[in-house]
C-alpha atoms as a PDB file:
ATOM      1  CA  PRO A   1      37.068 149.398 117.183  1.00  0.00           C
ATOM      2  CA  HIS A   2      34.930 146.805 117.873  1.00  0.00           C
ATOM      3  CA  VAL A   3      33.019 145.737 120.174  1.00  0.00           C
ATOM      4  CA  ALA A   4      31.648 142.226 120.567  1.00  0.00           C
ATOM      5  CA  GLN A   5      27.679 141.054 122.746  1.00  0.00           C
ATOM      6  CA  LEU A   6      28.872 138.214 125.423  1.00  0.00           C
ATOM      7  CA  THR A   7      25.533 135.569 124.557  1.00  0.00           C
ATOM      8  CA  ASN A   8      23.608 133.515 126.850  1.00  0.00           C
ATOM      9  CA  ASP A   9      26.049 130.279 125.858  1.00  0.00           C
ATOM     10  CA  GLY A  10      29.425 132.226 126.935  1.00  0.00           C
ATOM     11  CA  VAL A  11      30.464 133.789 122.898  1.00  0.00           C
ATOM     12  CA  TYR A  12      30.633 136.985 121.993  1.00  0.00           C
ATOM     13  CA  VAL A  13      28.866 137.933 119.658  1.00  0.00           C
ATOM     14  CA  THR A  14      29.680 141.226 117.236  1.00  0.00           C
ATOM     15  CA  VAL A  15      28.279 145.087 117.128  1.00  0.00           C
ATOM     16  CA  ARG A  16      28.437 144.301 112.657  1.00  0.00           C
ATOM     17  CA  ASN A  17      28.424 141.792 111.877  1.00  0.00           C
ATOM     18  CA  GLY A  18      27.637 138.803 114.375  1.00  0.00           C
ATOM     19  CA  GLN A  19      30.640 136.865 114.346  1.00  0.00           C
ATOM     20  CA  ARG A  20      30.935 134.523 117.109  1.00  0.00           C
ATOM     21  CA  LEU A  21      34.036 135.149 119.346  1.00  0.00           C
ATOM     22  CA  THR A  22      35.813 134.328 122.185  1.00  0.00           C
ATOM     23  CA  PRO A  23      38.763 135.318 124.665  1.00  0.00           C
ATOM     24  CA  ALA A  24      41.336 134.522 123.701  1.00  0.00           C
ATOM     25  CA  ARG A  25      42.983 131.061 126.150  1.00  0.00           C
ATOM     26  CA  GLY A  26      45.909 134.216 127.655  1.00  0.00           C
ATOM     27  CA  SER A  27      43.691 137.309 128.362  1.00  0.00           C
ATOM     28  CA  VAL A  28      43.041 137.683 131.588  1.00  0.00           C
ATOM     29  CA  LEU A  29      38.637 138.171 130.623  1.00  0.00           C
ATOM     30  CA  TYR A  30      38.502 135.202 129.870  1.00  0.00           C
ATOM     31  CA  GLY A  31      35.880 133.483 131.334  1.00  0.00           C
ATOM     32  CA  ALA A  32      35.453 136.397 133.616  1.00  0.00           C
ATOM     33  CA  GLY A  33      31.780 136.854 131.549  1.00  0.00           C
ATOM     34  CA  HIS A  34      31.503 140.823 130.896  1.00  0.00           C
ATOM     35  CA  ARG A  35      28.940 141.699 129.064  1.00  0.00           C
ATOM     36  CA  TRP A  36      30.549 143.854 126.544  1.00  0.00           C
ATOM     37  CA  VAL A  37      34.482 144.108 124.799  1.00  0.00           C
ATOM     38  CA  MET A  38      36.071 146.331 122.681  1.00  0.00           C
ATOM     39  CA  TYR A  39      38.845 144.798 121.238  1.00  0.00           C
ATOM     40  CA  ASN A  40      41.473 145.079 118.403  1.00  0.00           C
ATOM     41  CA  GLU A  41      42.707 141.890 116.630  1.00  0.00           C
ATOM     42  CA  VAL A  42      40.550 138.398 115.580  1.00  0.00           C
ATOM     43  CA  VAL A  43      43.182 135.156 115.244  1.00  0.00           C
ATOM     44  CA  GLU A  44      42.267 131.912 114.391  1.00  0.00           C
ATOM     45  CA  THR A  45      43.650 129.226 116.265  1.00  0.00           C
ATOM     46  CA  THR A  46      42.304 124.842 116.658  1.00  0.00           C
ATOM     47  CA  ALA A  47      40.086 126.314 118.512  1.00  0.00           C
ATOM     48  CA  GLY A  48      37.857 128.703 116.310  1.00  0.00           C
ATOM     49  CA  LYS A  49      38.750 133.386 116.047  1.00  0.00           C
ATOM     50  CA  GLN A  50      39.274 134.423 119.217  1.00  0.00           C
ATOM     51  CA  MET A  51      40.024 138.482 119.952  1.00  0.00           C
ATOM     52  CA  ARG A  52      43.196 139.858 120.936  1.00  0.00           C
ATOM     53  CA  GLU A  53      43.750 142.581 123.229  1.00  0.00           C
ATOM     54  CA  ILE A  54      39.922 143.343 124.984  1.00  0.00           C
ATOM     55  CA  THR A  55      39.007 145.202 127.868  1.00  0.00           C
ATOM     56  CA  ALA A  56      35.795 145.317 128.848  1.00  0.00           C
ATOM     57  CA  ILE A  57      33.263 147.874 128.738  1.00  0.00           C
ATOM     58  CA  GLN A  58      29.954 150.074 129.193  1.00  0.00           C
ATOM     59  CA  PRO A  59      27.689 150.235 126.028  1.00  0.00           C
ATOM     60  CA  SER A  60      27.476 153.558 125.828  1.00  0.00           C
ATOM     61  CA  TRP A  61      30.851 154.681 126.709  1.00  0.00           C
ATOM     62  CA  MET A  62      30.843 153.713 122.053  1.00  0.00           C
ATOM     63  CA  THR A  63      28.447 156.116 121.398  1.00  0.00           C
ATOM     64  CA  ASP A  64      30.638 159.520 123.828  1.00  0.00           C
ATOM     65  CA  VAL A  65      33.867 157.896 122.398  1.00  0.00           C
ATOM     66  CA  ALA A  66      32.280 157.762 118.960  1.00  0.00           C
ATOM     67  CA  PRO A  67      28.992 158.794 118.044  1.00  0.00           C
ATOM     68  CA  HIS A  68      29.625 158.478 113.716  1.00  0.00           C
ATOM     69  CA  PHE A  69      30.160 154.344 114.053  1.00  0.00           C
ATOM     70  CA  TYR A  70      28.025 153.684 117.114  1.00  0.00           C
ATOM     71  CA  LYS A  71      24.737 154.707 118.074  1.00  0.00           C
ATOM     72  CA  TYR A  72      22.955 153.468 121.912  1.00  0.00           C
ATOM     73  CA  THR A  73      19.944 151.994 121.246  1.00  0.00           C
ATOM     74  CA  GLY A  74      19.324 150.919 125.175  1.00  0.00           C
ATOM     75  CA  VAL A  75      19.571 150.925 128.284  1.00  0.00           C
ATOM     76  CA  ASP A  76      22.000 149.063 130.469  1.00  0.00           C
ATOM     77  CA  ASN A  77      22.087 147.750 133.874  1.00  0.00           C
ATOM     78  CA  ASP A  78      23.038 144.695 134.367  1.00  0.00           C
ATOM     79  CA  ASP A  79      26.382 144.773 135.802  1.00  0.00           C
ATOM     80  CA  GLY A  80      25.603 147.740 138.318  1.00  0.00           C
ATOM     81  CA  GLY A  81      26.580 149.686 134.531  1.00  0.00           C
ATOM     82  CA  GLU A  82      24.433 153.136 133.364  1.00  0.00           C
ATOM     83  CA  LYS A  83      20.751 153.925 132.895  1.00  0.00           C
ATOM     84  CA  LYS A  84      20.596 155.682 129.245  1.00  0.00           C
ATOM     85  CA  LYS A  85      16.883 156.481 127.992  1.00  0.00           C
ATOM     86  CA  ARG A  86      16.838 154.342 124.637  1.00  0.00           C
ATOM     87  CA  THR A  87      15.866 156.563 121.720  1.00  0.00           C
ATOM     88  CA  ASP A  88      12.383 155.201 120.984  1.00  0.00           C
ATOM     89  CA  ASN A  89      10.812 155.799 124.299  1.00  0.00           C
ATOM     90  CA  SER A  90      10.103 152.718 125.728  1.00  0.00           C
ATOM     91  CA  THR A  91      10.446 151.224 128.135  1.00  0.00           C
ATOM     92  CA  SER A  92      11.252 147.441 127.027  1.00  0.00           C
ATOM     93  CA  ASP A  93      14.482 146.082 128.733  1.00  0.00           C
ATOM     94  CA  LYS A  94      13.551 143.011 126.336  1.00  0.00           C
ATOM     95  CA  ASP A  95      16.311 143.758 123.547  1.00  0.00           C
ATOM     96  CA  ARG A  96      19.472 142.347 124.247  1.00  0.00           C
ATOM     97  CA  LYS A  97      21.125 144.222 121.554  1.00  0.00           C
ATOM     98  CA  LYS A  98      21.427 147.509 121.930  1.00  0.00           C
ATOM     99  CA  VAL A  99      24.611 148.963 120.558  1.00  0.00           C
ATOM    100  CA  ARG A 100      24.830 149.151 116.448  1.00  0.00           C
ATOM    101  CA  ARG A 101      27.237 149.966 113.517  1.00  0.00           C
ATOM    102  CA  LEU A 102      25.870 152.474 112.067  1.00  0.00           C
ATOM    103  CA  PHE A 103      27.858 151.887 108.984  1.00  0.00           C
END
């Protein structure tokens, strides 16, 4: 599974390699502003690289579904989502990237 996080400028950045993507214009999630998404495919168009087969997720779901790929390292409650204790025992929520790909 591929995961991306919404940035302040409205573009998604992939967790694995920092690639900048947008949802495909025909997607129901286009312009919806969900903080975290999982997608299946990237297509290159004249409008840039776009994600297809996309769904909104909570970041902590990735450690439940694929703990061998992802590690949840923070608290995410920006959209009323789940709260989990940070693995580094810090209470700070300054780090916006809370899911990382292990390999």
